[in-house]
Amino acid sequence: MTFSDLQEACRVFGLEERASLEEIKARHKELVKRYHPDTGSQEEPEMIRRVNAAYRLLIDYVSGYRFSFAEEEFYEQNPDEQLRRQFMTDPLYGG
């Protein structure tokens, strides 16, 4: 897999730079419903193959990803917690 392969898979799925596993799965389900030949879709017959290939590539990438449990990463992924940590002792904000 190359980075351009990954970018193409994201383009097929219409994903931004960040996506959760749940978002990838939901988007796959949506695209399969849209392009599956059994639904009578005549838009682009090759599209279902592209969708499934992109899904396999994305799942392979995500399953091989090494997650960071560092504090900085936690607060980047949870901005509300970052704000709470930053202001929870401030008397102005009820701390």
C-alpha atoms as a PDB file:
ATOM      1  CA  MET A   1       0.000   0.000   0.000  1.00  0.00           C
ATOM      2  CA  THR A   2       1.228   3.454  -0.868  1.00  0.00           C
ATOM      3  CA  PHE A   3       0.070   6.805   0.469  1.00  0.00           C
ATOM      4  CA  SER A   4      -1.524   7.568  -2.911  1.00  0.00           C
ATOM      5  CA  ASP A   5      -3.499   4.286  -2.617  1.00  0.00           C
ATOM      6  CA  LEU A   6      -4.707   5.424   0.794  1.00  0.00           C
ATOM      7  CA  GLN A   7      -5.652   8.845  -0.555  1.00  0.00           C
ATOM      8  CA  GLU A   8      -7.603   7.245  -3.413  1.00  0.00           C
ATOM      9  CA  ALA A   9      -9.482   5.026  -0.953  1.00  0.00           C
ATOM     10  CA  CYS A  10     -10.378   8.093   1.110  1.00  0.00           C
ATOM     11  CA  ARG A  11     -11.505   9.880  -2.040  1.00  0.00           C
ATOM     12  CA  VAL A  12     -13.752   6.957  -3.037  1.00  0.00           C
ATOM     13  CA  PHE A  13     -15.284   7.020   0.446  1.00  0.00           C
ATOM     14  CA  GLY A  14     -15.450  10.818   0.600  1.00  0.00           C
ATOM     15  CA  LEU A  15     -13.483  10.881   3.849  1.00  0.00           C
ATOM     16  CA  GLU A  16     -11.617  13.816   5.289  1.00  0.00           C
ATOM     17  CA  GLU A  17      -8.146  13.617   6.806  1.00  0.00           C
ATOM     18  CA  ARG A  18      -9.482  11.991  10.000  1.00  0.00           C
ATOM     19  CA  ALA A  19     -12.186   9.356  10.349  1.00  0.00           C
ATOM     20  CA  SER A  20     -13.170   6.830  12.975  1.00  0.00           C
ATOM     21  CA  LEU A  21     -13.607   3.135  12.335  1.00  0.00           C
ATOM     22  CA  GLU A  22     -17.343   3.600  12.851  1.00  0.00           C
ATOM     23  CA  GLU A  23     -17.423   6.328  10.185  1.00  0.00           C
ATOM     24  CA  ILE A  24     -15.558   4.101   7.724  1.00  0.00           C
ATOM     25  CA  LYS A  25     -17.942   1.202   8.322  1.00  0.00           C
ATOM     26  CA  ALA A  26     -21.032   3.415   8.078  1.00  0.00           C
ATOM     27  CA  ARG A  27     -19.801   4.988   4.852  1.00  0.00           C
ATOM     28  CA  HIS A  28     -19.065   1.532   3.396  1.00  0.00           C
ATOM     29  CA  LYS A  29     -22.591   0.373   4.220  1.00  0.00           C
ATOM     30  CA  GLU A  30     -24.035   3.506   2.615  1.00  0.00           C
ATOM     31  CA  LEU A  31     -21.956   3.119  -0.555  1.00  0.00           C
ATOM     32  CA  VAL A  32     -22.734  -0.586  -0.907  1.00  0.00           C
ATOM     33  CA  LYS A  33     -26.454   0.173  -0.680  1.00  0.00           C
ATOM     34  CA  ARG A  34     -26.033   2.846  -3.322  1.00  0.00           C
ATOM     35  CA  TYR A  35     -23.893   0.956  -5.847  1.00  0.00           C
ATOM     36  CA  HIS A  36     -24.783  -2.729  -5.361  1.00  0.00           C
ATOM     37  CA  PRO A  37     -26.082  -4.268  -8.615  1.00  0.00           C
ATOM     38  CA  ASP A  38     -29.001  -5.931  -6.791  1.00  0.00           C
ATOM     39  CA  THR A  39     -30.416  -2.510  -5.969  1.00  0.00           C
ATOM     40  CA  GLY A  40     -30.732  -1.747  -9.661  1.00  0.00           C
ATOM     41  CA  SER A  41     -27.944   0.795  -9.647  1.00  0.00           C
ATOM     42  CA  GLN A  42     -26.835   1.544 -13.182  1.00  0.00           C
ATOM     43  CA  GLU A  43     -24.731   4.594 -12.266  1.00  0.00           C
ATOM     44  CA  GLU A  44     -21.295   3.056 -12.553  1.00  0.00           C
ATOM     45  CA  PRO A  45     -21.097  -0.751 -12.677  1.00  0.00           C
ATOM     46  CA  GLU A  46     -17.428  -0.852 -11.666  1.00  0.00           C
ATOM     47  CA  MET A  47     -18.031   1.359  -8.626  1.00  0.00           C
ATOM     48  CA  ILE A  48     -19.003  -1.490  -6.263  1.00  0.00           C
ATOM     49  CA  ARG A  49     -15.612  -3.112  -6.887  1.00  0.00           C
ATOM     50  CA  ARG A  50     -13.842   0.182  -6.223  1.00  0.00           C
ATOM     51  CA  VAL A  51     -15.826   0.675  -3.006  1.00  0.00           C
ATOM     52  CA  ASN A  52     -15.004  -2.819  -1.730  1.00  0.00           C
ATOM     53  CA  ALA A  53     -11.320  -2.498  -2.671  1.00  0.00           C
ATOM     54  CA  ALA A  54     -11.133   0.879  -0.906  1.00  0.00           C
ATOM     55  CA  TYR A  55     -12.828  -0.606   2.165  1.00  0.00           C
ATOM     56  CA  ARG A  56     -10.339  -3.490   2.353  1.00  0.00           C
ATOM     57  CA  LEU A  57      -7.442  -1.052   2.050  1.00  0.00           C
ATOM     58  CA  LEU A  58      -8.835   1.274   4.741  1.00  0.00           C
ATOM     59  CA  ILE A  59      -9.551  -1.612   7.126  1.00  0.00           C
ATOM     60  CA  ASP A  60      -6.048  -3.011   6.576  1.00  0.00           C
ATOM     61  CA  TYR A  61      -4.574   0.405   7.320  1.00  0.00           C
ATOM     62  CA  VAL A  62      -6.688   0.971  10.429  1.00  0.00           C
ATOM     63  CA  SER A  63      -6.119  -2.514  11.819  1.00  0.00           C
ATOM     64  CA  GLY A  64      -2.358  -2.051  11.515  1.00  0.00           C
ATOM     65  CA  TYR A  65      -2.393   1.403  13.092  1.00  0.00           C
ATOM     66  CA  ARG A  66      -0.606   1.774  16.391  1.00  0.00           C
ATOM     67  CA  PHE A  67      -2.759   3.840  18.701  1.00  0.00           C
ATOM     68  CA  SER A  68      -1.230   6.370  21.016  1.00  0.00           C
ATOM     69  CA  PHE A  69      -2.385   6.440  24.607  1.00  0.00           C
ATOM     70  CA  ALA A  70      -0.236   9.460  25.412  1.00  0.00           C
ATOM     71  CA  GLU A  71      -1.823  12.278  27.367  1.00  0.00           C
ATOM     72  CA  GLU A  72      -1.270  14.797  24.553  1.00  0.00           C
ATOM     73  CA  GLU A  73      -3.049  12.538  22.065  1.00  0.00           C
ATOM     74  CA  PHE A  74      -5.942  12.008  24.491  1.00  0.00           C
ATOM     75  CA  TYR A  75      -6.505  15.747  24.802  1.00  0.00           C
ATOM     76  CA  GLU A  76      -6.177  16.260  21.051  1.00  0.00           C
ATOM     77  CA  GLN A  77      -8.904  13.658  20.485  1.00  0.00           C
ATOM     78  CA  ASN A  78     -11.062  15.033  23.338  1.00  0.00           C
ATOM     79  CA  PRO A  79     -10.993  18.841  23.173  1.00  0.00           C
ATOM     80  CA  ASP A  80     -13.755  19.191  25.806  1.00  0.00           C
ATOM     81  CA  GLU A  81     -11.569  17.396  28.319  1.00  0.00           C
ATOM     82  CA  GLN A  82      -8.684  19.692  27.379  1.00  0.00           C
ATOM     83  CA  LEU A  83     -10.825  22.720  28.196  1.00  0.00           C
ATOM     84  CA  ARG A  84     -12.002  21.191  31.445  1.00  0.00           C
ATOM     85  CA  ARG A  85      -8.418  20.391  32.473  1.00  0.00           C
ATOM     86  CA  GLN A  86      -7.297  23.876  31.533  1.00  0.00           C
ATOM     87  CA  PHE A  87     -10.030  25.733  33.428  1.00  0.00           C
ATOM     88  CA  MET A  88     -11.323  23.376  36.136  1.00  0.00           C
ATOM     89  CA  THR A  89      -9.385  25.070  38.944  1.00  0.00           C
ATOM     90  CA  ASP A  90     -10.122  28.602  37.743  1.00  0.00           C
ATOM     91  CA  PRO A  91     -12.623  30.257  40.134  1.00  0.00           C
ATOM     92  CA  LEU A  92     -14.074  32.269  37.264  1.00  0.00           C
ATOM     93  CA  TYR A  93     -15.294  29.032  35.674  1.00  0.00           C
ATOM     94  CA  GLY A  94     -16.577  27.445  38.902  1.00  0.00           C
ATOM     95  CA  GLY A  95     -13.391  25.654  39.947  1.00  0.00           C
END
